[in-house]
Amino acid sequence: MGDSTREKAADVLRGWALDEELKQRVMSSPPLAAIAQKIAAGYSAGETVRDAIEAAKRSMARGHLVSLEYAGESVRDAGVAEAETAVFLDLISALRQAGIAGTVSFDLSHIGSLVSPALALENARRMADALAPLRTSLMISAEGSDRTDLVLDLYEALREEKVEVGVTLQARLHRSEKDLKRLLKQPGTIRLVKGAFLEPEGMAYPRGSAELQENYLRLAGLIIDAGHPVSIATHDAALIAEILERHPNLSEAKDVEFEMLLGLGTSTLDRLHAEGFTTREYSIFGGEWWLYVLNRIAEDPERVFDAIIAAGR
C-alpha cells in the first residue's frame, strides 16, 4: 500500500469513526454487529468490568502498570451520562477490591461535558473521590480539536480543586505547544500522544510526516526537561529510540513512563520494562468501542486485512 493510498484509507477510517449514523446502522444490525465485535476483540479487553480487571492482571503479570477505560464518547443526554458514570464507579470499585492501583481514563464527553460542563465536573469529582484510596489518578483522554478548549478548561477547573487527574496532549495539533505552557502550570501527568482524529487541514501536522515526528520530540523534550510527570504514549519504535538518544538518563527519571495500547507495541513495551523503564499498558472495555477501534485501524490501514481475517473466523 503506497503512502498516498495509505493516507486516503486512514482518512476514510477516521471519518467512519466519527460517523455516528454509520455506527448506529452497523450496531443495530445483528449480522453486522457480530462481525464488528469480532474485529473489536483484537483491540479491547472485552465487554465487562470483569474482563477489564482480568486484562489488567495479565498486563501486571508482565510487569506493567495499567490504565483502564470504559469506552464511549459524545453523550448528549444527562441520564445517559449518569448511567455511564455509574459504570466507571463500578470499575473503580472492582479495582479497589482487586487492589489494583490503575489509572482510569475517560472522555469528558462520555460523562456529560456536551450536556453541561458542570455535569462533567461533578461526575469526574465522584470518580476521583472513589479512586482516591488507591492513590492513583484519573486521566482525561483526547478528543477532536473542536473540543480541545473545553477539555483544557475542565482539566484546569478540576486541578484547581486539587482533583487527582492528568490530561492528554496531541502532538499532531499545531496549537499543542501553546497549550503545553498551560498544562505545565498544573501538576497532573501529561499523556503525550500523536493524535488519532480526522482534523481540518491547516490545524494539524500530516500523519507520518517529519514535522509530526519532530513536534512530538520537541513536546516530549519540553515536558521531560521541565521535570513534569509525563506518559510517553506511542508505539513508534523509531520515535522512542530518538527520545532515548536525546535523553540518555531517562530510566532514572521517576516521573516518566512509556505507555502503549493493549494488543499494540507489546514486544516494545515488554523490552522497555526489561530495560528498567516504567511502563503502562492501556486497555479499553465495553460495547461503545467504535471510535477507538476504527482509529486504531486507521493508524495502520493495513490492519484492515487483519480485521477481515478476524471477522471470518
C-alpha atoms as a PDB file:
ATOM      1  CA  MET A   1       0.000   0.000   0.000  1.00  0.00           C
ATOM      2  CA  GLY A   2       1.587   3.284  -1.131  1.00  0.00           C
ATOM      3  CA  ASP A   3       1.814   6.323   1.150  1.00  0.00           C
ATOM      4  CA  SER A   4      -0.893   8.233  -0.724  1.00  0.00           C
ATOM      5  CA  THR A   5      -3.283   5.280  -0.682  1.00  0.00           C
ATOM      6  CA  ARG A   6      -2.488   4.645   2.975  1.00  0.00           C
ATOM      7  CA  GLU A   7      -3.370   8.221   3.935  1.00  0.00           C
ATOM      8  CA  LYS A   8      -6.611   8.150   1.941  1.00  0.00           C
ATOM      9  CA  ALA A   9      -7.592   4.873   3.607  1.00  0.00           C
ATOM     10  CA  ALA A  10      -6.706   6.292   7.032  1.00  0.00           C
ATOM     11  CA  ASP A  11      -8.859   9.376   6.420  1.00  0.00           C
ATOM     12  CA  VAL A  12     -11.821   7.219   5.362  1.00  0.00           C
ATOM     13  CA  LEU A  13     -11.499   5.122   8.522  1.00  0.00           C
ATOM     14  CA  ARG A  14     -11.234   8.207  10.723  1.00  0.00           C
ATOM     15  CA  GLY A  15     -14.294   9.640   9.006  1.00  0.00           C
ATOM     16  CA  TRP A  16     -16.187   6.436   9.775  1.00  0.00           C
ATOM     17  CA  ALA A  17     -15.008   6.660  13.382  1.00  0.00           C
ATOM     18  CA  LEU A  18     -16.830   9.994  13.775  1.00  0.00           C
ATOM     19  CA  ASP A  19     -19.906   8.974  11.757  1.00  0.00           C
ATOM     20  CA  GLU A  20     -22.498   8.350  14.461  1.00  0.00           C
ATOM     21  CA  GLU A  21     -25.186   7.474  11.877  1.00  0.00           C
ATOM     22  CA  LEU A  22     -22.977   4.770  10.335  1.00  0.00           C
ATOM     23  CA  LYS A  23     -22.175   3.449  13.790  1.00  0.00           C
ATOM     24  CA  GLN A  24     -25.885   3.232  14.609  1.00  0.00           C
ATOM     25  CA  ARG A  25     -26.667   1.376  11.361  1.00  0.00           C
ATOM     26  CA  VAL A  26     -23.904  -1.169  11.900  1.00  0.00           C
ATOM     27  CA  MET A  27     -24.559  -1.789  15.584  1.00  0.00           C
ATOM     28  CA  SER A  28     -28.344  -2.078  15.109  1.00  0.00           C
ATOM     29  CA  SER A  29     -27.885  -4.873  12.540  1.00  0.00           C
ATOM     30  CA  PRO A  30     -27.216  -8.212  14.329  1.00  0.00           C
ATOM     31  CA  PRO A  31     -25.111  -9.697  11.459  1.00  0.00           C
ATOM     32  CA  LEU A  32     -23.012  -6.532  11.032  1.00  0.00           C
ATOM     33  CA  ALA A  33     -22.700  -6.026  14.791  1.00  0.00           C
ATOM     34  CA  ALA A  34     -21.417  -9.595  15.208  1.00  0.00           C
ATOM     35  CA  ILE A  35     -18.715  -9.015  12.586  1.00  0.00           C
ATOM     36  CA  ALA A  36     -17.760  -5.666  14.095  1.00  0.00           C
ATOM     37  CA  GLN A  37     -17.492  -7.178  17.577  1.00  0.00           C
ATOM     38  CA  LYS A  38     -15.126  -9.876  16.287  1.00  0.00           C
ATOM     39  CA  ILE A  39     -12.896  -7.150  14.883  1.00  0.00           C
ATOM     40  CA  ALA A  40     -13.053  -5.146  18.122  1.00  0.00           C
ATOM     41  CA  ALA A  41     -11.930  -8.146  20.172  1.00  0.00           C
ATOM     42  CA  GLY A  42      -8.394  -7.719  18.883  1.00  0.00           C
ATOM     43  CA  TYR A  43      -8.135  -4.225  20.352  1.00  0.00           C
ATOM     44  CA  SER A  44     -10.158  -4.320  23.572  1.00  0.00           C
ATOM     45  CA  ALA A  45     -10.194  -6.134  26.899  1.00  0.00           C
ATOM     46  CA  GLY A  46     -13.791  -7.270  26.454  1.00  0.00           C
ATOM     47  CA  GLU A  47     -17.314  -6.176  27.273  1.00  0.00           C
ATOM     48  CA  THR A  48     -17.438  -6.117  31.074  1.00  0.00           C
ATOM     49  CA  VAL A  49     -15.727  -4.687  34.145  1.00  0.00           C
ATOM     50  CA  ARG A  50     -14.619  -8.225  34.982  1.00  0.00           C
ATOM     51  CA  ASP A  51     -12.978  -8.510  31.544  1.00  0.00           C
ATOM     52  CA  ALA A  52     -11.130  -5.262  32.198  1.00  0.00           C
ATOM     53  CA  ILE A  53      -9.846  -6.434  35.575  1.00  0.00           C
ATOM     54  CA  GLU A  54      -8.609  -9.710  34.102  1.00  0.00           C
ATOM     55  CA  ALA A  55      -6.810  -7.828  31.309  1.00  0.00           C
ATOM     56  CA  ALA A  56      -5.208  -5.580  33.924  1.00  0.00           C
ATOM     57  CA  LYS A  57      -3.963  -8.595  35.842  1.00  0.00           C
ATOM     58  CA  ARG A  58      -2.382 -10.021  32.695  1.00  0.00           C
ATOM     59  CA  SER A  59      -0.625  -6.712  31.989  1.00  0.00           C
ATOM     60  CA  MET A  60       0.621  -6.505  35.577  1.00  0.00           C
ATOM     61  CA  ALA A  61       1.955 -10.060  35.394  1.00  0.00           C
ATOM     62  CA  ARG A  62       4.266  -8.807  32.633  1.00  0.00           C
ATOM     63  CA  GLY A  63       5.472  -6.012  34.923  1.00  0.00           C
ATOM     64  CA  HIS A  64       3.426  -3.092  33.605  1.00  0.00           C
ATOM     65  CA  LEU A  65       1.268  -0.500  35.321  1.00  0.00           C
ATOM     66  CA  VAL A  66      -2.237  -0.312  33.882  1.00  0.00           C
ATOM     67  CA  SER A  67      -4.764   2.207  32.642  1.00  0.00           C
ATOM     68  CA  LEU A  68      -8.364   1.183  32.021  1.00  0.00           C
ATOM     69  CA  GLU A  69     -11.077   2.989  30.101  1.00  0.00           C
ATOM     70  CA  TYR A  70     -14.763   2.260  29.697  1.00  0.00           C
ATOM     71  CA  ALA A  71     -15.168   3.147  26.030  1.00  0.00           C
ATOM     72  CA  GLY A  72     -17.616   5.812  24.982  1.00  0.00           C
ATOM     73  CA  GLU A  73     -17.914   9.435  23.918  1.00  0.00           C
ATOM     74  CA  SER A  74     -20.245  12.200  22.718  1.00  0.00           C
ATOM     75  CA  VAL A  75     -23.049  11.579  25.211  1.00  0.00           C
ATOM     76  CA  ARG A  76     -25.777  14.191  24.787  1.00  0.00           C
ATOM     77  CA  ASP A  77     -28.257  13.102  27.449  1.00  0.00           C
ATOM     78  CA  ALA A  78     -27.825  13.766  31.169  1.00  0.00           C
ATOM     79  CA  GLY A  79     -29.402  10.447  32.138  1.00  0.00           C
ATOM     80  CA  VAL A  80     -27.048   8.520  29.883  1.00  0.00           C
ATOM     81  CA  ALA A  81     -24.057  10.426  31.270  1.00  0.00           C
ATOM     82  CA  GLU A  82     -25.122   9.476  34.804  1.00  0.00           C
ATOM     83  CA  ALA A  83     -25.522   5.826  33.814  1.00  0.00           C
ATOM     84  CA  GLU A  84     -22.122   5.763  32.118  1.00  0.00           C
ATOM     85  CA  THR A  85     -20.503   7.374  35.149  1.00  0.00           C
ATOM     86  CA  ALA A  86     -22.018   4.571  37.247  1.00  0.00           C
ATOM     87  CA  VAL A  87     -20.081   2.041  35.127  1.00  0.00           C
ATOM     88  CA  PHE A  88     -16.853   3.938  35.787  1.00  0.00           C
ATOM     89  CA  LEU A  89     -17.669   3.816  39.502  1.00  0.00           C
ATOM     90  CA  ASP A  90     -18.236   0.047  39.224  1.00  0.00           C
ATOM     91  CA  LEU A  91     -14.833  -0.238  37.531  1.00  0.00           C
ATOM     92  CA  ILE A  92     -13.168   1.752  40.312  1.00  0.00           C
ATOM     93  CA  SER A  93     -14.883  -0.399  42.938  1.00  0.00           C
ATOM     94  CA  ALA A  94     -13.552  -3.519  41.209  1.00  0.00           C
ATOM     95  CA  LEU A  95     -10.038  -2.038  41.079  1.00  0.00           C
ATOM     96  CA  ARG A  96     -10.214  -1.354  44.809  1.00  0.00           C
ATOM     97  CA  GLN A  97     -11.452  -4.856  45.570  1.00  0.00           C
ATOM     98  CA  ALA A  98      -8.631  -6.336  43.490  1.00  0.00           C
ATOM     99  CA  GLY A  99      -6.030  -3.969  44.961  1.00  0.00           C
ATOM    100  CA  ILE A 100      -5.040  -2.718  41.512  1.00  0.00           C
ATOM    101  CA  ALA A 101      -3.709   0.845  41.568  1.00  0.00           C
ATOM    102  CA  GLY A 102      -4.614   1.535  37.958  1.00  0.00           C
ATOM    103  CA  THR A 103      -5.233   4.822  36.219  1.00  0.00           C
ATOM    104  CA  VAL A 104      -8.798   5.288  34.988  1.00  0.00           C
ATOM    105  CA  SER A 105      -9.031   7.054  31.628  1.00  0.00           C
ATOM    106  CA  PHE A 106     -12.143   8.699  30.193  1.00  0.00           C
ATOM    107  CA  ASP A 107     -13.513  11.168  27.679  1.00  0.00           C
ATOM    108  CA  LEU A 108     -15.125  14.189  29.290  1.00  0.00           C
ATOM    109  CA  SER A 109     -17.860  13.968  26.653  1.00  0.00           C
ATOM    110  CA  HIS A 110     -18.602  10.447  27.915  1.00  0.00           C
ATOM    111  CA  ILE A 111     -19.606  11.768  31.335  1.00  0.00           C
ATOM    112  CA  GLY A 112     -21.551  14.806  30.270  1.00  0.00           C
ATOM    113  CA  SER A 113     -19.410  17.711  29.037  1.00  0.00           C
ATOM    114  CA  LEU A 114     -21.571  18.164  25.902  1.00  0.00           C
ATOM    115  CA  VAL A 115     -24.680  18.256  28.079  1.00  0.00           C
ATOM    116  CA  SER A 116     -23.221  20.618  30.662  1.00  0.00           C
ATOM    117  CA  PRO A 117     -19.638  21.310  31.742  1.00  0.00           C
ATOM    118  CA  ALA A 118     -20.892  21.373  35.329  1.00  0.00           C
ATOM    119  CA  LEU A 119     -22.283  17.843  34.939  1.00  0.00           C
ATOM    120  CA  ALA A 120     -18.944  16.542  33.654  1.00  0.00           C
ATOM    121  CA  LEU A 121     -17.108  18.216  36.539  1.00  0.00           C
ATOM    122  CA  GLU A 122     -19.446  16.676  39.103  1.00  0.00           C
ATOM    123  CA  ASN A 123     -19.143  13.208  37.602  1.00  0.00           C
ATOM    124  CA  ALA A 124     -15.345  13.491  37.411  1.00  0.00           C
ATOM    125  CA  ARG A 125     -15.250  14.507  41.071  1.00  0.00           C
ATOM    126  CA  ARG A 126     -17.280  11.436  42.015  1.00  0.00           C
ATOM    127  CA  MET A 127     -14.879   9.201  40.093  1.00  0.00           C
ATOM    128  CA  ALA A 128     -11.822  10.826  41.661  1.00  0.00           C
ATOM    129  CA  ASP A 129     -13.230  10.500  45.175  1.00  0.00           C
ATOM    130  CA  ALA A 130     -13.879   6.787  44.608  1.00  0.00           C
ATOM    131  CA  LEU A 131     -10.377   6.292  43.201  1.00  0.00           C
ATOM    132  CA  ALA A 132      -8.580   8.208  45.970  1.00  0.00           C
ATOM    133  CA  PRO A 133      -7.919   5.212  48.288  1.00  0.00           C
ATOM    134  CA  LEU A 134      -5.763   3.633  45.559  1.00  0.00           C
ATOM    135  CA  ARG A 135      -3.514   6.739  45.465  1.00  0.00           C
ATOM    136  CA  THR A 136      -3.676   6.873  41.703  1.00  0.00           C
ATOM    137  CA  SER A 137      -5.381   9.273  39.294  1.00  0.00           C
ATOM    138  CA  LEU A 138      -7.876   9.825  36.543  1.00  0.00           C
ATOM    139  CA  MET A 139      -6.613  10.534  33.026  1.00  0.00           C
ATOM    140  CA  ILE A 140      -8.620  12.706  30.634  1.00  0.00           C
ATOM    141  CA  SER A 141      -8.419  11.320  27.094  1.00  0.00           C
ATOM    142  CA  ALA A 142      -8.034  13.458  23.977  1.00  0.00           C
ATOM    143  CA  GLU A 143     -10.984  14.434  21.810  1.00  0.00           C
ATOM    144  CA  GLY A 144     -11.200  16.271  18.491  1.00  0.00           C
ATOM    145  CA  SER A 145      -9.678  19.739  18.164  1.00  0.00           C
ATOM    146  CA  ASP A 146     -13.142  21.332  18.261  1.00  0.00           C
ATOM    147  CA  ARG A 147     -13.365  20.197  21.906  1.00  0.00           C
ATOM    148  CA  THR A 148      -9.800  20.964  22.993  1.00  0.00           C
ATOM    149  CA  ASP A 149     -10.617  24.264  24.704  1.00  0.00           C
ATOM    150  CA  LEU A 150     -13.452  22.645  26.640  1.00  0.00           C
ATOM    151  CA  VAL A 151     -11.220  19.749  27.680  1.00  0.00           C
ATOM    152  CA  LEU A 152      -8.416  22.022  28.876  1.00  0.00           C
ATOM    153  CA  ASP A 153     -10.782  24.360  30.702  1.00  0.00           C
ATOM    154  CA  LEU A 154     -12.397  21.471  32.598  1.00  0.00           C
ATOM    155  CA  TYR A 155      -8.999  19.933  33.350  1.00  0.00           C
ATOM    156  CA  GLU A 156      -7.795  23.199  34.876  1.00  0.00           C
ATOM    157  CA  ALA A 157     -11.006  23.504  36.886  1.00  0.00           C
ATOM    158  CA  LEU A 158     -10.500  20.023  38.327  1.00  0.00           C
ATOM    159  CA  ARG A 159      -6.828  20.649  39.136  1.00  0.00           C
ATOM    160  CA  GLU A 160      -7.706  23.910  40.877  1.00  0.00           C
ATOM    161  CA  GLU A 161      -9.948  21.823  43.131  1.00  0.00           C
ATOM    162  CA  LYS A 162      -6.947  19.508  43.819  1.00  0.00           C
ATOM    163  CA  VAL A 163      -8.618  16.621  41.970  1.00  0.00           C
ATOM    164  CA  GLU A 164      -6.041  13.969  41.054  1.00  0.00           C
ATOM    165  CA  VAL A 165      -6.298  13.973  37.273  1.00  0.00           C
ATOM    166  CA  GLY A 166      -3.995  14.119  34.265  1.00  0.00           C
ATOM    167  CA  VAL A 167      -4.670  15.121  30.670  1.00  0.00           C
ATOM    168  CA  THR A 168      -3.790  14.009  27.140  1.00  0.00           C
ATOM    169  CA  LEU A 169      -1.941  16.299  24.710  1.00  0.00           C
ATOM    170  CA  GLN A 170      -1.911  15.653  20.946  1.00  0.00           C
ATOM    171  CA  ALA A 171       1.402  16.358  19.234  1.00  0.00           C
ATOM    172  CA  ARG A 172      -0.318  16.470  15.860  1.00  0.00           C
ATOM    173  CA  LEU A 173      -2.165  19.711  16.609  1.00  0.00           C
ATOM    174  CA  HIS A 174      -0.357  22.946  15.749  1.00  0.00           C
ATOM    175  CA  ARG A 175      -1.748  24.547  18.901  1.00  0.00           C
ATOM    176  CA  SER A 176      -0.302  21.975  21.299  1.00  0.00           C
ATOM    177  CA  GLU A 177       2.993  23.748  22.100  1.00  0.00           C
ATOM    178  CA  LYS A 178       0.996  26.763  23.240  1.00  0.00           C
ATOM    179  CA  ASP A 179      -1.386  24.509  25.173  1.00  0.00           C
ATOM    180  CA  LEU A 180       1.576  22.840  26.847  1.00  0.00           C
ATOM    181  CA  LYS A 181       2.504  26.124  28.524  1.00  0.00           C
ATOM    182  CA  ARG A 182      -0.885  25.988  30.270  1.00  0.00           C
ATOM    183  CA  LEU A 183      -0.528  22.350  31.213  1.00  0.00           C
ATOM    184  CA  LEU A 184       2.933  22.751  32.752  1.00  0.00           C
ATOM    185  CA  LYS A 185       1.375  25.091  35.323  1.00  0.00           C
ATOM    186  CA  GLN A 186      -0.662  22.169  36.675  1.00  0.00           C
ATOM    187  CA  PRO A 187       0.888  19.167  38.476  1.00  0.00           C
ATOM    188  CA  GLY A 188      -1.089  16.440  36.688  1.00  0.00           C
ATOM    189  CA  THR A 189       0.572  13.906  34.390  1.00  0.00           C
ATOM    190  CA  ILE A 190       0.622  14.884  30.709  1.00  0.00           C
ATOM    191  CA  ARG A 191      -0.070  11.928  28.435  1.00  0.00           C
ATOM    192  CA  LEU A 192       1.612  12.758  25.121  1.00  0.00           C
ATOM    193  CA  VAL A 193       0.108  11.109  22.029  1.00  0.00           C
ATOM    194  CA  LYS A 194       0.475  11.773  18.314  1.00  0.00           C
ATOM    195  CA  GLY A 195      -3.272  12.287  17.793  1.00  0.00           C
ATOM    196  CA  ALA A 196      -5.721   9.969  16.080  1.00  0.00           C
ATOM    197  CA  PHE A 197      -8.559  12.221  14.929  1.00  0.00           C
ATOM    198  CA  LEU A 198      -9.517  13.413  11.468  1.00  0.00           C
ATOM    199  CA  GLU A 199      -8.685  17.122  11.672  1.00  0.00           C
ATOM    200  CA  PRO A 200      -9.305  20.099   9.358  1.00  0.00           C
ATOM    201  CA  GLU A 201      -6.441  20.920   7.021  1.00  0.00           C
ATOM    202  CA  GLY A 202      -4.180  23.572   8.494  1.00  0.00           C
ATOM    203  CA  MET A 203      -4.830  22.612  12.113  1.00  0.00           C
ATOM    204  CA  ALA A 204      -2.630  19.535  12.319  1.00  0.00           C
ATOM    205  CA  TYR A 205       0.631  18.128  11.007  1.00  0.00           C
ATOM    206  CA  PRO A 206       0.210  15.418   8.359  1.00  0.00           C
ATOM    207  CA  ARG A 207       0.237  11.902   9.776  1.00  0.00           C
ATOM    208  CA  GLY A 208       3.522  10.140   9.143  1.00  0.00           C
ATOM    209  CA  SER A 209       5.301  13.417   8.444  1.00  0.00           C
ATOM    210  CA  ALA A 210       8.731  14.504   9.630  1.00  0.00           C
ATOM    211  CA  GLU A 211       7.043  17.607  11.083  1.00  0.00           C
ATOM    212  CA  LEU A 212       4.841  15.474  13.325  1.00  0.00           C
ATOM    213  CA  GLN A 213       7.787  13.374  14.471  1.00  0.00           C
ATOM    214  CA  GLU A 214       9.807  16.451  15.327  1.00  0.00           C
ATOM    215  CA  ASN A 215       6.906  18.118  17.116  1.00  0.00           C
ATOM    216  CA  TYR A 216       6.392  15.027  19.265  1.00  0.00           C
ATOM    217  CA  LEU A 217      10.097  15.035  20.121  1.00  0.00           C
ATOM    218  CA  ARG A 218      10.012  18.776  20.859  1.00  0.00           C
ATOM    219  CA  LEU A 219       6.999  18.497  23.164  1.00  0.00           C
ATOM    220  CA  ALA A 220       8.396  15.418  24.906  1.00  0.00           C
ATOM    221  CA  GLY A 221      11.666  17.256  25.480  1.00  0.00           C
ATOM    222  CA  LEU A 222       9.940  20.295  26.934  1.00  0.00           C
ATOM    223  CA  ILE A 223       7.980  18.145  29.394  1.00  0.00           C
ATOM    224  CA  ILE A 224      10.965  15.997  30.375  1.00  0.00           C
ATOM    225  CA  ASP A 225      13.296  18.977  30.785  1.00  0.00           C
ATOM    226  CA  ALA A 226      10.694  20.672  32.986  1.00  0.00           C
ATOM    227  CA  GLY A 227      10.745  17.630  35.279  1.00  0.00           C
ATOM    228  CA  HIS A 228       6.988  17.310  34.809  1.00  0.00           C
ATOM    229  CA  PRO A 229       5.212  13.932  35.083  1.00  0.00           C
ATOM    230  CA  VAL A 230       4.727  12.540  31.578  1.00  0.00           C
ATOM    231  CA  SER A 231       3.404   9.426  29.923  1.00  0.00           C
ATOM    232  CA  ILE A 232       5.079   8.930  26.539  1.00  0.00           C
ATOM    233  CA  ALA A 233       2.219   7.214  24.735  1.00  0.00           C
ATOM    234  CA  THR A 234       3.345   5.937  21.339  1.00  0.00           C
ATOM    235  CA  HIS A 235       4.002   2.626  19.594  1.00  0.00           C
ATOM    236  CA  ASP A 236       6.509   4.222  17.223  1.00  0.00           C
ATOM    237  CA  ALA A 237       9.763   2.353  17.938  1.00  0.00           C
ATOM    238  CA  ALA A 238      11.877   4.832  15.942  1.00  0.00           C
ATOM    239  CA  LEU A 239      10.382   7.746  17.855  1.00  0.00           C
ATOM    240  CA  ILE A 240      11.049   6.038  21.184  1.00  0.00           C
ATOM    241  CA  ALA A 241      14.647   5.334  20.163  1.00  0.00           C
ATOM    242  CA  GLU A 242      15.161   9.019  19.323  1.00  0.00           C
ATOM    243  CA  ILE A 243      13.696  10.102  22.664  1.00  0.00           C
ATOM    244  CA  LEU A 244      16.058   7.748  24.492  1.00  0.00           C
ATOM    245  CA  GLU A 245      19.025   9.031  22.488  1.00  0.00           C
ATOM    246  CA  ARG A 246      18.182  12.648  23.301  1.00  0.00           C
ATOM    247  CA  HIS A 247      17.546  11.837  26.986  1.00  0.00           C
ATOM    248  CA  PRO A 248      20.073   9.117  27.920  1.00  0.00           C
ATOM    249  CA  ASN A 249      19.249   9.172  31.651  1.00  0.00           C
ATOM    250  CA  LEU A 250      15.528   8.735  31.202  1.00  0.00           C
ATOM    251  CA  SER A 251      15.331   5.419  33.046  1.00  0.00           C
ATOM    252  CA  GLU A 252      16.332   7.277  36.220  1.00  0.00           C
ATOM    253  CA  ALA A 253      13.500   9.816  35.932  1.00  0.00           C
ATOM    254  CA  LYS A 254      10.781   8.860  38.413  1.00  0.00           C
ATOM    255  CA  ASP A 255       8.016  10.806  36.669  1.00  0.00           C
ATOM    256  CA  VAL A 256       8.488   9.420  33.148  1.00  0.00           C
ATOM    257  CA  GLU A 257       6.694   6.351  31.820  1.00  0.00           C
ATOM    258  CA  PHE A 258       6.068   4.709  28.456  1.00  0.00           C
ATOM    259  CA  GLU A 259       2.507   3.716  27.640  1.00  0.00           C
ATOM    260  CA  MET A 260       1.095   1.523  24.879  1.00  0.00           C
ATOM    261  CA  LEU A 261      -2.320   0.197  23.981  1.00  0.00           C
ATOM    262  CA  LEU A 262      -3.363  -3.380  24.581  1.00  0.00           C
ATOM    263  CA  GLY A 263      -2.503  -5.501  21.552  1.00  0.00           C
ATOM    264  CA  LEU A 264      -0.208  -2.891  20.003  1.00  0.00           C
ATOM    265  CA  GLY A 265       3.509  -2.484  20.619  1.00  0.00           C
ATOM    266  CA  THR A 266       3.527  -5.372  23.090  1.00  0.00           C
ATOM    267  CA  SER A 267       7.087  -6.542  22.461  1.00  0.00           C
ATOM    268  CA  THR A 268       8.433  -2.969  22.591  1.00  0.00           C
ATOM    269  CA  LEU A 269       6.689  -2.289  25.893  1.00  0.00           C
ATOM    270  CA  ASP A 270       7.998  -5.550  27.367  1.00  0.00           C
ATOM    271  CA  ARG A 271      11.518  -4.657  26.226  1.00  0.00           C
ATOM    272  CA  LEU A 272      11.349  -1.210  27.779  1.00  0.00           C
ATOM    273  CA  HIS A 273      10.214  -2.748  31.065  1.00  0.00           C
ATOM    274  CA  ALA A 274      13.102  -5.217  30.931  1.00  0.00           C
ATOM    275  CA  GLU A 275      15.484  -2.293  30.414  1.00  0.00           C
ATOM    276  CA  GLY A 276      14.286  -0.655  33.624  1.00  0.00           C
ATOM    277  CA  PHE A 277      11.762   1.880  32.378  1.00  0.00           C
ATOM    278  CA  THR A 278       8.369   2.455  33.971  1.00  0.00           C
ATOM    279  CA  THR A 279       5.757   1.104  31.580  1.00  0.00           C
ATOM    280  CA  ARG A 280       1.962   1.128  31.393  1.00  0.00           C
ATOM    281  CA  GLU A 281      -0.492  -0.851  29.268  1.00  0.00           C
ATOM    282  CA  TYR A 282      -3.789   0.820  28.347  1.00  0.00           C
ATOM    283  CA  SER A 283      -6.950  -1.247  27.845  1.00  0.00           C
ATOM    284  CA  ILE A 284     -10.482  -0.322  26.918  1.00  0.00           C
ATOM    285  CA  PHE A 285     -13.617  -2.340  27.575  1.00  0.00           C
ATOM    286  CA  GLY A 286     -17.342  -2.127  26.919  1.00  0.00           C
ATOM    287  CA  GLY A 287     -19.630  -2.071  23.907  1.00  0.00           C
ATOM    288  CA  GLU A 288     -19.006   1.500  22.752  1.00  0.00           C
ATOM    289  CA  TRP A 289     -15.632   0.804  21.147  1.00  0.00           C
ATOM    290  CA  TRP A 290     -16.475   2.151  17.654  1.00  0.00           C
ATOM    291  CA  LEU A 291     -14.384   5.335  17.707  1.00  0.00           C
ATOM    292  CA  TYR A 292     -11.434   3.717  19.460  1.00  0.00           C
ATOM    293  CA  VAL A 293     -11.151   0.629  17.245  1.00  0.00           C
ATOM    294  CA  LEU A 294     -11.542   2.460  13.941  1.00  0.00           C
ATOM    295  CA  ASN A 295      -8.880   4.970  14.981  1.00  0.00           C
ATOM    296  CA  ARG A 296      -6.536   2.123  15.912  1.00  0.00           C
ATOM    297  CA  ILE A 297      -7.005   0.511  12.489  1.00  0.00           C
ATOM    298  CA  ALA A 298      -6.591   3.913  10.818  1.00  0.00           C
ATOM    299  CA  GLU A 299      -3.136   4.322  12.382  1.00  0.00           C
ATOM    300  CA  ASP A 300      -2.025   1.498  10.065  1.00  0.00           C
ATOM    301  CA  PRO A 301      -4.699   0.890   7.406  1.00  0.00           C
ATOM    302  CA  GLU A 302      -3.150  -2.468   6.507  1.00  0.00           C
ATOM    303  CA  ARG A 303      -4.658  -3.677   9.795  1.00  0.00           C
ATOM    304  CA  VAL A 304      -7.877  -3.826   7.777  1.00  0.00           C
ATOM    305  CA  PHE A 305      -6.621  -7.138   6.388  1.00  0.00           C
ATOM    306  CA  ASP A 306      -6.131  -8.479   9.932  1.00  0.00           C
ATOM    307  CA  ALA A 307      -9.660  -7.305  10.706  1.00  0.00           C
ATOM    308  CA  ILE A 308     -11.091  -9.135   7.691  1.00  0.00           C
ATOM    309  CA  ILE A 309      -9.332 -12.333   8.751  1.00  0.00           C
ATOM    310  CA  ALA A 310     -10.620 -11.941  12.312  1.00  0.00           C
ATOM    311  CA  ALA A 311     -14.186 -11.381  11.065  1.00  0.00           C
ATOM    312  CA  GLY A 312     -14.072 -14.591   9.044  1.00  0.00           C
ATOM    313  CA  ARG A 313     -13.068 -16.820  11.926  1.00  0.00           C
END
